[in-house]
Amino acid sequence: MARQSTARTTPGRRGTARRELVEAEIHEHAAKLFAERGFAGTSLQDIADSVGITRQALYYYVKSKDEMLGRLVADLTSRLVAQMRKVSEEPGLDPADRLYRIAHLTATDRAVNRTRFQLLDRSASALPDSLADAYLEGRRAALAEVRSVIDDGIAQGLFRPVDSRVAALSVLGMCNWVAWWFEAGPDHPVEPIAAQIASSAVAMLRVPDEAAGADPRAALAAARASLDQLERHLQANGTPRA
């Protein structure tokens, strides 16, 4: 009986997997056309022709252009934020490790989904209100996640006491820019690019090791300045003065 049950459900699983593959291909073609021609300048027939199916077959997978655009927005906002939060909740990682992983996954996402990101980055101001709100909310949530990691690093003395919002915007900007210049290829893989960007994100914030033989007075002055900035940071976040 177990074999018969498996035999019945296998075709369904295969059908679901095939549908997901086709839908992913449709959305990728749609994103490319939207980016090239604009949302208003792209028809469902254009998308069907690009995929190589009839318009009637297209309706089996999607209902409208608005539905496709909505999915593109959701994929590029909620999905990435969910991945960031998963990293932040992973036990045993200090803020430097968390920032590295978040920058790495963000740079990788922008390289892999460059067409979709370019589309939304170019057309954010022209999105319908509901989608524009969702896109902006996703961007704010991503910024908040990165900023929280940086704040933790500052509080623990791992990162220099800088303006965490500016630092978070700098990290995300560095990662997002990958979508505009990266071209994947056999001799140009994503991994080393993402690793270098992630390392740079951590390096620009990490407190440098004191050089041997440094002037003690200069080191003391730097320490005092850092403590002053850290105290201002803690007060701004509601921690009372000692």
Protein backbone atom coordinates (compact mmCIF):
# COMPACT_ATOMS: atom_id res chain seq x y z
CA MET A 1 0.00 0.00 0.00
CA ALA A 2 2.87 2.37 0.76
CA ARG A 3 4.26 1.85 -2.74
CA GLN A 4 0.91 2.60 -4.32
CA SER A 5 0.60 5.82 -2.27
CA THR A 6 4.08 6.92 -3.36
CA ALA A 7 3.28 6.20 -6.98
CA ARG A 8 0.18 8.35 -6.78
CA THR A 9 1.93 11.35 -5.22
CA THR A 10 5.11 11.34 -7.32
CA PRO A 11 3.47 12.78 -10.47
CA GLY A 12 2.02 15.58 -8.36
CA ARG A 13 5.40 16.44 -6.91
CA ARG A 14 6.94 16.38 -10.37
CA GLY A 15 4.18 18.60 -11.68
CA THR A 16 4.70 21.09 -8.87
CA ALA A 17 8.45 21.18 -9.45
CA ARG A 18 7.99 21.72 -13.18
CA ARG A 19 5.48 24.49 -12.58
CA GLU A 20 7.90 26.25 -10.22
CA LEU A 21 10.66 26.04 -12.82
CA VAL A 22 8.45 27.46 -15.55
CA GLU A 23 7.17 30.23 -13.29
CA ALA A 24 10.73 31.16 -12.35
CA GLU A 25 11.67 31.34 -16.03
CA ILE A 26 8.62 33.46 -16.82
CA HIS A 27 9.42 35.91 -14.05
CA GLU A 28 13.05 36.15 -15.11
CA HIS A 29 12.04 36.96 -18.70
CA ALA A 30 9.45 39.42 -17.43
CA ALA A 31 12.01 41.20 -15.25
CA LYS A 32 14.38 41.54 -18.19
CA LEU A 33 11.67 42.95 -20.45
CA PHE A 34 10.38 45.31 -17.77
CA ALA A 35 13.93 46.60 -17.28
CA GLU A 36 14.50 47.06 -21.02
CA ARG A 37 11.11 48.40 -22.12
CA GLY A 38 9.48 49.57 -18.92
CA PHE A 39 6.49 48.02 -17.20
CA ALA A 40 3.92 49.89 -19.31
CA GLY A 41 5.82 49.14 -22.52
CA THR A 42 5.80 45.37 -21.98
CA SER A 43 2.77 43.26 -22.87
CA LEU A 44 1.86 39.75 -21.80
CA GLN A 45 2.35 38.72 -25.41
CA ASP A 46 5.90 40.06 -25.28
CA ILE A 47 6.57 37.94 -22.22
CA ALA A 48 5.02 34.83 -23.78
CA ASP A 49 7.09 35.31 -26.94
CA SER A 50 10.26 35.73 -24.89
CA VAL A 51 9.63 32.53 -22.96
CA GLY A 52 8.57 30.65 -26.09
CA ILE A 53 5.01 29.78 -25.12
CA THR A 54 1.59 30.99 -26.24
CA ARG A 55 -0.25 33.74 -24.41
CA GLN A 56 -2.95 31.23 -23.48
CA ALA A 57 -0.31 28.97 -21.91
CA LEU A 58 1.11 31.96 -20.04
CA TYR A 59 -2.23 32.47 -18.30
CA TYR A 60 -1.89 29.01 -16.81
CA TYR A 61 1.08 30.25 -14.77
CA VAL A 62 0.35 33.95 -14.16
CA LYS A 63 -2.77 36.11 -14.10
CA SER A 64 -1.40 39.54 -14.97
CA LYS A 65 1.63 41.79 -15.22
CA ASP A 66 0.77 43.26 -11.82
CA GLU A 67 0.96 39.80 -10.27
CA MET A 68 4.40 39.25 -11.79
CA LEU A 69 5.67 42.62 -10.64
CA GLY A 70 4.33 41.95 -7.15
CA ARG A 71 6.21 38.68 -6.95
CA LEU A 72 9.41 40.34 -8.14
CA VAL A 73 9.08 42.94 -5.41
CA ALA A 74 8.43 40.28 -2.76
CA ASP A 75 11.35 38.13 -3.91
CA LEU A 76 13.81 40.99 -3.68
CA THR A 77 12.66 42.37 -0.33
CA SER A 78 11.13 39.88 2.09
CA ARG A 79 13.34 36.99 0.98
CA LEU A 80 16.61 38.83 1.55
CA VAL A 81 15.48 40.30 4.88
CA ALA A 82 14.44 36.82 6.04
CA GLN A 83 17.92 35.53 5.20
CA MET A 84 19.53 38.42 7.08
CA ARG A 85 17.42 37.70 10.16
CA LYS A 86 18.33 34.03 10.02
CA VAL A 87 22.03 34.98 10.10
CA SER A 88 21.45 37.39 13.00
CA GLU A 89 19.69 34.65 15.00
CA GLU A 90 22.39 32.04 14.43
CA PRO A 91 24.13 31.26 17.75
CA GLY A 92 27.85 31.57 18.20
CA LEU A 93 28.47 34.40 15.75
CA ASP A 94 29.97 37.70 16.86
CA PRO A 95 28.92 40.94 15.07
CA ALA A 96 31.90 40.76 12.70
CA ASP A 97 30.91 37.25 11.60
CA ARG A 98 27.28 38.31 11.20
CA LEU A 99 28.18 41.39 9.17
CA TYR A 100 30.44 39.31 6.92
CA ARG A 101 27.71 36.75 6.25
CA ILE A 102 25.03 39.37 5.66
CA ALA A 103 27.23 41.34 3.24
CA HIS A 104 28.23 38.12 1.48
CA LEU A 105 24.65 36.93 0.95
CA THR A 106 23.52 40.42 -0.13
CA ALA A 107 26.30 40.81 -2.70
CA THR A 108 25.63 37.28 -3.95
CA ASP A 109 21.90 37.98 -4.25
CA ARG A 110 22.53 41.17 -6.24
CA ALA A 111 24.89 39.33 -8.59
CA VAL A 112 22.53 36.40 -9.15
CA ASN A 113 19.37 38.53 -9.42
CA ARG A 114 20.92 41.55 -11.10
CA THR A 115 18.17 41.98 -13.72
CA ARG A 116 15.43 42.02 -11.11
CA PHE A 117 17.30 44.41 -8.85
CA GLN A 118 18.03 46.79 -11.74
CA LEU A 119 14.35 46.75 -12.68
CA LEU A 120 13.17 47.74 -9.21
CA ASP A 121 15.98 50.18 -8.60
CA ARG A 122 15.15 52.00 -11.83
CA SER A 123 11.38 51.93 -11.51
CA ALA A 124 10.81 52.24 -7.75
CA SER A 125 9.24 55.68 -8.14
CA ALA A 126 6.82 54.38 -10.79
CA LEU A 127 5.57 51.34 -8.88
CA PRO A 128 1.91 51.18 -7.83
CA ASP A 129 1.45 52.54 -4.31
CA SER A 130 1.01 49.15 -2.65
CA LEU A 131 4.11 47.70 -4.31
CA ALA A 132 6.14 50.85 -3.73
CA ASP A 133 5.28 50.68 -0.04
CA ALA A 134 6.27 47.01 0.13
CA TYR A 135 9.56 47.68 -1.66
CA LEU A 136 10.45 50.63 0.56
CA GLU A 137 9.48 48.70 3.68
CA GLY A 138 11.77 45.87 2.60
CA ARG A 139 14.64 48.30 2.09
CA ARG A 140 14.05 49.84 5.50
CA ALA A 141 13.97 46.40 7.12
CA ALA A 142 17.26 45.43 5.45
CA LEU A 143 18.84 48.67 6.64
CA ALA A 144 17.58 48.05 10.16
CA GLU A 145 19.07 44.54 10.20
CA VAL A 146 22.51 45.71 9.08
CA ARG A 147 22.41 48.69 11.43
CA SER A 148 21.52 46.43 14.37
CA VAL A 149 24.55 44.23 13.70
CA ILE A 150 26.80 47.28 13.51
CA ASP A 151 25.34 48.69 16.74
CA ASP A 152 26.08 45.38 18.46
CA GLY A 153 29.65 45.47 17.18
CA ILE A 154 30.11 49.02 18.48
CA ALA A 155 28.66 48.13 21.88
CA GLN A 156 31.01 45.15 22.15
CA GLY A 157 34.04 47.19 21.16
CA LEU A 158 34.62 45.21 17.93
CA PHE A 159 33.66 48.07 15.61
CA ARG A 160 34.72 51.68 15.68
CA PRO A 161 32.04 53.96 17.22
CA VAL A 162 30.77 55.47 13.98
CA ASP A 163 27.32 56.56 12.84
CA SER A 164 25.73 53.14 12.41
CA ARG A 165 23.12 54.34 9.91
CA VAL A 166 25.75 55.79 7.59
CA ALA A 167 27.84 52.66 7.99
CA ALA A 168 24.87 50.39 7.20
CA LEU A 169 23.99 52.44 4.12
CA SER A 170 27.61 52.19 3.00
CA VAL A 171 27.63 48.39 3.37
CA LEU A 172 24.33 47.96 1.52
CA GLY A 173 25.37 50.42 -1.19
CA MET A 174 28.58 48.48 -1.77
CA CYS A 175 26.62 45.23 -2.06
CA ASN A 176 23.80 46.65 -4.21
CA TRP A 177 26.21 48.17 -6.71
CA VAL A 178 27.27 44.65 -7.71
CA ALA A 179 24.04 44.39 -9.72
CA TRP A 180 25.23 47.17 -12.02
CA TRP A 181 28.72 46.02 -12.89
CA PHE A 182 29.03 42.28 -12.28
CA GLU A 183 28.90 39.91 -15.25
CA ALA A 184 28.97 36.24 -14.32
CA GLY A 185 31.05 33.88 -16.42
CA PRO A 186 33.29 30.79 -16.26
CA ASP A 187 36.29 32.98 -15.42
CA HIS A 188 34.33 35.42 -13.29
CA PRO A 189 32.46 33.55 -10.52
CA VAL A 190 30.33 35.19 -7.87
CA GLU A 191 31.98 33.74 -4.76
CA PRO A 192 35.32 35.63 -4.72
CA ILE A 193 33.53 38.91 -5.50
CA ALA A 194 31.07 38.42 -2.63
CA ALA A 195 33.88 37.33 -0.29
CA GLN A 196 35.98 40.41 -1.06
CA ILE A 197 33.06 42.78 -0.57
CA ALA A 198 32.09 41.10 2.70
CA SER A 199 35.67 41.31 3.95
CA SER A 200 35.82 45.00 3.00
CA ALA A 201 32.58 45.67 4.89
CA VAL A 202 34.04 44.22 8.08
CA ALA A 203 37.47 45.80 7.61
CA MET A 204 36.09 49.33 7.30
CA LEU A 205 34.40 49.02 10.70
CA ARG A 206 36.62 46.75 12.77
CA VAL A 207 38.73 48.37 15.48
CA PRO A 208 42.34 48.14 14.23
CA ASP A 209 44.97 46.34 16.27
CA GLU A 210 47.34 48.71 18.00
CA ALA A 211 50.72 48.67 16.29
CA ALA A 212 53.65 47.59 18.40
CA GLY A 213 55.67 50.52 19.65
CA ALA A 214 52.92 53.06 19.01
CA ASP A 215 53.07 56.36 20.88
CA PRO A 216 51.26 55.66 24.19
CA ARG A 217 49.92 59.22 24.31
CA ALA A 218 48.39 58.89 20.85
CA ALA A 219 46.90 55.52 21.77
CA LEU A 220 45.44 57.01 24.96
CA ALA A 221 43.95 59.95 23.07
CA ALA A 222 42.40 57.60 20.52
CA ALA A 223 40.99 55.43 23.31
CA ARG A 224 39.46 58.44 25.04
CA ALA A 225 37.91 59.65 21.79
CA SER A 226 36.45 56.20 21.17
CA LEU A 227 35.06 56.03 24.70
CA ASP A 228 33.46 59.46 24.30
CA GLN A 229 31.79 58.38 21.05
CA LEU A 230 30.70 55.09 22.58
CA GLU A 231 29.15 56.93 25.56
CA ARG A 232 27.21 59.21 23.19
CA HIS A 233 26.05 56.15 21.27
CA LEU A 234 24.84 54.42 24.43
CA GLN A 235 23.02 57.54 25.62
CA ALA A 236 21.32 57.89 22.24
CA ASN A 237 20.05 54.32 22.65
CA GLY A 238 18.66 54.93 26.12
CA THR A 239 21.56 53.74 28.28
CA PRO A 240 22.03 56.12 31.27
CA ARG A 241 25.38 57.74 31.98
CA ALA A 242 27.47 55.76 34.49
